[in-house]
Amino acid sequence: LKQRLRHCPLRADTQRIAPTSSPAAMYTRFVEPGRLALITYGPCEGKMCTIIDIVSQKRVVVDGPMSVTGVNRHMMPVRRLSLTDFRVKIGRGAREKTFKAALEKDETMKKWAATAWAKKLAAKKARANMTDFERFKVMVARKKRAKEVKTVLKKATKK
């Protein structure tokens, strides 16, 4: 027995060291009822929805609700969703009235709108909806800013 222990990589007299991993490194965005998600493909692409029920390993029932995000309650594959960090406290298969009340109570949509991800999507949408003249005004403003930065830098380097 002693001979076996001597050749064993974990001997009886050594302590087993737990792997060093912080709790923050764990995955936290689970597919669960109440999880806020962004639709990445299909007719509702770019809209926010919330998972209401889990149908199978690959499909879920989502709802907007229509009055808030413009998404009706329907079934869709999980691979077409990008899960967010936000979760509304609702039960599985919650009614629309209950779901709306929970959304308003937690102010989840306001919290989402304050994130960098939501701001980036809003900016992208605003750029896509610009007219030709608005794009021209942005170009002129960028040139003006670049010129001002260049003059300030020239003054700073001369001193």
C-alpha atoms as a PDB file:
ATOM      1  CA  LEU A   1       0.000   0.000   0.000  1.00  0.00           C
ATOM      2  CA  LYS A   2       2.822   2.416   0.874  1.00  0.00           C
ATOM      3  CA  GLN A   3       4.508   1.649  -2.420  1.00  0.00           C
ATOM      4  CA  ARG A   4       1.351   2.536  -4.372  1.00  0.00           C
ATOM      5  CA  LEU A   5       0.975   5.817  -2.510  1.00  0.00           C
ATOM      6  CA  ARG A   6       4.557   6.785  -3.272  1.00  0.00           C
ATOM      7  CA  HIS A   7       3.944   6.574  -7.040  1.00  0.00           C
ATOM      8  CA  CYS A   8       0.488   8.147  -6.918  1.00  0.00           C
ATOM      9  CA  PRO A   9       0.468  11.795  -8.097  1.00  0.00           C
ATOM     10  CA  LEU A  10      -1.733  12.755  -5.132  1.00  0.00           C
ATOM     11  CA  ARG A  11      -0.152  11.100  -2.129  1.00  0.00           C
ATOM     12  CA  ALA A  12      -1.993  10.635   1.151  1.00  0.00           C
ATOM     13  CA  ASP A  13       0.209  13.157   2.963  1.00  0.00           C
ATOM     14  CA  THR A  14      -0.214  15.941   0.372  1.00  0.00           C
ATOM     15  CA  GLN A  15      -3.120  18.363   0.416  1.00  0.00           C
ATOM     16  CA  ARG A  16      -5.327  18.847  -2.574  1.00  0.00           C
ATOM     17  CA  ILE A  17      -5.319  22.486  -3.650  1.00  0.00           C
ATOM     18  CA  ALA A  18      -8.596  23.867  -4.922  1.00  0.00           C
ATOM     19  CA  PRO A  19      -8.459  25.496  -8.361  1.00  0.00           C
ATOM     20  CA  THR A  20      -8.218  29.250  -8.143  1.00  0.00           C
ATOM     21  CA  SER A  21     -11.212  30.742  -9.891  1.00  0.00           C
ATOM     22  CA  SER A  22     -13.075  33.834  -8.886  1.00  0.00           C
ATOM     23  CA  PRO A  23     -16.855  33.748  -8.556  1.00  0.00           C
ATOM     24  CA  ALA A  24     -17.058  36.547 -11.146  1.00  0.00           C
ATOM     25  CA  ALA A  25     -15.655  34.219 -13.813  1.00  0.00           C
ATOM     26  CA  MET A  26     -18.710  31.954 -13.628  1.00  0.00           C
ATOM     27  CA  TYR A  27     -21.355  32.082 -16.359  1.00  0.00           C
ATOM     28  CA  THR A  28     -24.430  33.969 -15.149  1.00  0.00           C
ATOM     29  CA  ARG A  29     -26.581  34.560 -18.239  1.00  0.00           C
ATOM     30  CA  PHE A  30     -28.802  31.504 -18.103  1.00  0.00           C
ATOM     31  CA  VAL A  31     -31.787  30.769 -20.322  1.00  0.00           C
ATOM     32  CA  GLU A  32     -34.554  31.165 -17.749  1.00  0.00           C
ATOM     33  CA  PRO A  33     -38.016  32.721 -17.496  1.00  0.00           C
ATOM     34  CA  GLY A  34     -37.679  36.474 -17.060  1.00  0.00           C
ATOM     35  CA  ARG A  35     -34.292  36.814 -18.799  1.00  0.00           C
ATOM     36  CA  LEU A  36     -34.130  39.909 -21.015  1.00  0.00           C
ATOM     37  CA  ALA A  37     -32.703  39.173 -24.475  1.00  0.00           C
ATOM     38  CA  LEU A  38     -31.948  40.884 -27.775  1.00  0.00           C
ATOM     39  CA  ILE A  39     -33.297  39.279 -30.948  1.00  0.00           C
ATOM     40  CA  THR A  40     -30.416  38.940 -33.420  1.00  0.00           C
ATOM     41  CA  TYR A  41     -32.155  37.442 -36.461  1.00  0.00           C
ATOM     42  CA  GLY A  42     -35.569  37.410 -38.111  1.00  0.00           C
ATOM     43  CA  PRO A  43     -38.387  39.920 -38.544  1.00  0.00           C
ATOM     44  CA  CYS A  44     -37.959  41.268 -34.985  1.00  0.00           C
ATOM     45  CA  GLU A  45     -34.169  41.693 -35.291  1.00  0.00           C
ATOM     46  CA  GLY A  46     -32.767  44.374 -33.002  1.00  0.00           C
ATOM     47  CA  LYS A  47     -35.756  44.360 -30.623  1.00  0.00           C
ATOM     48  CA  MET A  48     -35.739  43.434 -26.957  1.00  0.00           C
ATOM     49  CA  CYS A  49     -37.780  40.538 -25.612  1.00  0.00           C
ATOM     50  CA  THR A  50     -38.079  38.518 -22.438  1.00  0.00           C
ATOM     51  CA  ILE A  51     -38.063  34.737 -22.136  1.00  0.00           C
ATOM     52  CA  ILE A  52     -41.442  33.623 -20.801  1.00  0.00           C
ATOM     53  CA  ASP A  53     -41.222  29.847 -21.039  1.00  0.00           C
ATOM     54  CA  ILE A  54     -38.771  27.138 -22.090  1.00  0.00           C
ATOM     55  CA  VAL A  55     -40.157  24.733 -24.695  1.00  0.00           C
ATOM     56  CA  SER A  56     -37.123  22.521 -25.317  1.00  0.00           C
ATOM     57  CA  GLN A  57     -33.349  22.580 -25.162  1.00  0.00           C
ATOM     58  CA  LYS A  58     -33.229  24.829 -28.231  1.00  0.00           C
ATOM     59  CA  ARG A  59     -36.545  26.749 -28.253  1.00  0.00           C
ATOM     60  CA  VAL A  60     -38.175  29.289 -25.942  1.00  0.00           C
ATOM     61  CA  VAL A  61     -41.352  31.379 -25.804  1.00  0.00           C
ATOM     62  CA  VAL A  62     -40.572  35.114 -25.810  1.00  0.00           C
ATOM     63  CA  ASP A  63     -42.692  38.223 -25.320  1.00  0.00           C
ATOM     64  CA  GLY A  64     -41.969  41.944 -25.702  1.00  0.00           C
ATOM     65  CA  PRO A  65     -44.664  42.897 -24.692  1.00  0.00           C
ATOM     66  CA  MET A  66     -45.977  44.445 -27.901  1.00  0.00           C
ATOM     67  CA  SER A  67     -46.803  47.805 -26.283  1.00  0.00           C
ATOM     68  CA  VAL A  68     -43.279  48.188 -24.848  1.00  0.00           C
ATOM     69  CA  THR A  69     -40.865  46.675 -27.390  1.00  0.00           C
ATOM     70  CA  GLY A  70     -43.002  45.707 -30.389  1.00  0.00           C
ATOM     71  CA  VAL A  71     -42.539  41.944 -30.029  1.00  0.00           C
ATOM     72  CA  ASN A  72     -45.569  39.645 -29.835  1.00  0.00           C
ATOM     73  CA  ARG A  73     -45.512  36.458 -27.775  1.00  0.00           C
ATOM     74  CA  HIS A  74     -44.084  33.709 -29.968  1.00  0.00           C
ATOM     75  CA  MET A  75     -41.723  30.755 -29.970  1.00  0.00           C
ATOM     76  CA  MET A  76     -38.182  31.118 -31.289  1.00  0.00           C
ATOM     77  CA  PRO A  77     -34.811  29.320 -31.222  1.00  0.00           C
ATOM     78  CA  VAL A  78     -32.349  30.275 -28.461  1.00  0.00           C
ATOM     79  CA  ARG A  79     -29.541  30.716 -30.999  1.00  0.00           C
ATOM     80  CA  ARG A  80     -31.350  33.786 -32.370  1.00  0.00           C
ATOM     81  CA  LEU A  81     -31.179  35.517 -28.978  1.00  0.00           C
ATOM     82  CA  SER A  82     -28.395  37.385 -27.209  1.00  0.00           C
ATOM     83  CA  LEU A  83     -28.987  37.112 -23.475  1.00  0.00           C
ATOM     84  CA  THR A  84     -28.427  40.162 -21.273  1.00  0.00           C
ATOM     85  CA  ASP A  85     -27.565  40.488 -17.581  1.00  0.00           C
ATOM     86  CA  PHE A  86     -31.093  41.629 -16.693  1.00  0.00           C
ATOM     87  CA  ARG A  87     -33.808  39.385 -15.311  1.00  0.00           C
ATOM     88  CA  VAL A  88     -37.412  40.127 -14.384  1.00  0.00           C
ATOM     89  CA  LYS A  89     -38.867  38.141 -11.494  1.00  0.00           C
ATOM     90  CA  ILE A  90     -41.741  36.274 -13.152  1.00  0.00           C
ATOM     91  CA  GLY A  91     -42.954  32.703 -13.063  1.00  0.00           C
ATOM     92  CA  ARG A  92     -42.792  30.299 -15.942  1.00  0.00           C
ATOM     93  CA  GLY A  93     -45.487  31.031 -18.551  1.00  0.00           C
ATOM     94  CA  ALA A  94     -46.554  34.318 -16.906  1.00  0.00           C
ATOM     95  CA  ARG A  95     -49.538  36.228 -18.290  1.00  0.00           C
ATOM     96  CA  GLU A  96     -48.919  39.465 -20.171  1.00  0.00           C
ATOM     97  CA  LYS A  97     -50.513  41.594 -17.429  1.00  0.00           C
ATOM     98  CA  THR A  98     -48.288  40.058 -14.727  1.00  0.00           C
ATOM     99  CA  PHE A  99     -45.254  40.366 -16.964  1.00  0.00           C
ATOM    100  CA  LYS A 100     -45.900  44.064 -17.746  1.00  0.00           C
ATOM    101  CA  ALA A 101     -46.340  44.846 -14.045  1.00  0.00           C
ATOM    102  CA  ALA A 102     -43.032  43.131 -13.201  1.00  0.00           C
ATOM    103  CA  LEU A 103     -41.233  45.025 -16.000  1.00  0.00           C
ATOM    104  CA  GLU A 104     -42.547  48.377 -14.762  1.00  0.00           C
ATOM    105  CA  LYS A 105     -41.851  47.580 -11.110  1.00  0.00           C
ATOM    106  CA  ASP A 106     -38.159  46.758 -11.689  1.00  0.00           C
ATOM    107  CA  GLU A 107     -37.729  49.471 -14.379  1.00  0.00           C
ATOM    108  CA  THR A 108     -35.815  46.876 -16.390  1.00  0.00           C
ATOM    109  CA  MET A 109     -36.163  48.667 -19.728  1.00  0.00           C
ATOM    110  CA  LYS A 110     -34.754  51.901 -18.229  1.00  0.00           C
ATOM    111  CA  LYS A 111     -31.812  49.954 -16.793  1.00  0.00           C
ATOM    112  CA  TRP A 112     -31.237  48.357 -20.206  1.00  0.00           C
ATOM    113  CA  ALA A 113     -31.356  51.731 -21.973  1.00  0.00           C
ATOM    114  CA  ALA A 114     -28.614  53.007 -19.630  1.00  0.00           C
ATOM    115  CA  THR A 115     -26.134  50.262 -20.606  1.00  0.00           C
ATOM    116  CA  ALA A 116     -23.308  50.780 -23.108  1.00  0.00           C
ATOM    117  CA  TRP A 117     -24.686  47.953 -25.274  1.00  0.00           C
ATOM    118  CA  ALA A 118     -28.089  49.680 -25.645  1.00  0.00           C
ATOM    119  CA  LYS A 119     -26.484  53.075 -26.297  1.00  0.00           C
ATOM    120  CA  LYS A 120     -24.300  51.543 -29.012  1.00  0.00           C
ATOM    121  CA  LEU A 121     -27.355  49.981 -30.697  1.00  0.00           C
ATOM    122  CA  ALA A 122     -29.244  53.308 -30.487  1.00  0.00           C
ATOM    123  CA  ALA A 123     -26.309  55.174 -32.062  1.00  0.00           C
ATOM    124  CA  LYS A 124     -26.088  52.596 -34.852  1.00  0.00           C
ATOM    125  CA  LYS A 125     -29.824  52.951 -35.518  1.00  0.00           C
ATOM    126  CA  ALA A 126     -29.565  56.758 -35.537  1.00  0.00           C
ATOM    127  CA  ARG A 127     -26.706  56.644 -38.055  1.00  0.00           C
ATOM    128  CA  ALA A 128     -28.678  54.270 -40.275  1.00  0.00           C
ATOM    129  CA  ASN A 129     -31.693  56.609 -40.277  1.00  0.00           C
ATOM    130  CA  MET A 130     -29.726  59.741 -41.169  1.00  0.00           C
ATOM    131  CA  THR A 131     -30.549  61.714 -44.297  1.00  0.00           C
ATOM    132  CA  ASP A 132     -27.884  62.804 -46.766  1.00  0.00           C
ATOM    133  CA  PHE A 133     -27.842  66.351 -45.378  1.00  0.00           C
ATOM    134  CA  GLU A 134     -27.471  65.069 -41.778  1.00  0.00           C
ATOM    135  CA  ARG A 135     -24.509  62.930 -42.851  1.00  0.00           C
ATOM    136  CA  PHE A 136     -23.007  66.033 -44.508  1.00  0.00           C
ATOM    137  CA  LYS A 137     -23.452  68.075 -41.299  1.00  0.00           C
ATOM    138  CA  VAL A 138     -21.720  65.327 -39.292  1.00  0.00           C
ATOM    139  CA  MET A 139     -18.832  65.292 -41.760  1.00  0.00           C
ATOM    140  CA  VAL A 140     -18.412  69.079 -41.514  1.00  0.00           C
ATOM    141  CA  ALA A 141     -18.538  68.948 -37.694  1.00  0.00           C
ATOM    142  CA  ARG A 142     -15.892  66.202 -37.624  1.00  0.00           C
ATOM    143  CA  LYS A 143     -13.605  68.210 -39.913  1.00  0.00           C
ATOM    144  CA  LYS A 144     -14.048  71.296 -37.738  1.00  0.00           C
ATOM    145  CA  ARG A 145     -13.259  69.341 -34.559  1.00  0.00           C
ATOM    146  CA  ALA A 146     -10.191  67.729 -36.156  1.00  0.00           C
ATOM    147  CA  LYS A 147      -8.903  71.151 -37.224  1.00  0.00           C
ATOM    148  CA  GLU A 148      -9.339  72.565 -33.695  1.00  0.00           C
ATOM    149  CA  VAL A 149      -7.556  69.579 -32.145  1.00  0.00           C
ATOM    150  CA  LYS A 150      -4.719  69.969 -34.654  1.00  0.00           C
ATOM    151  CA  THR A 151      -4.241  73.678 -33.827  1.00  0.00           C
ATOM    152  CA  VAL A 152      -4.246  72.998 -30.076  1.00  0.00           C
ATOM    153  CA  LEU A 153      -1.671  70.235 -30.525  1.00  0.00           C
ATOM    154  CA  LYS A 154       0.531  72.513 -32.631  1.00  0.00           C
ATOM    155  CA  LYS A 155       0.458  75.181 -29.932  1.00  0.00           C
ATOM    156  CA  ALA A 156       1.270  72.604 -27.237  1.00  0.00           C
ATOM    157  CA  THR A 157       4.243  71.170 -29.153  1.00  0.00           C
ATOM    158  CA  LYS A 158       5.721  74.651 -29.920  1.00  0.00           C
ATOM    159  CA  LYS A 159       5.927  75.571 -26.221  1.00  0.00           C
END
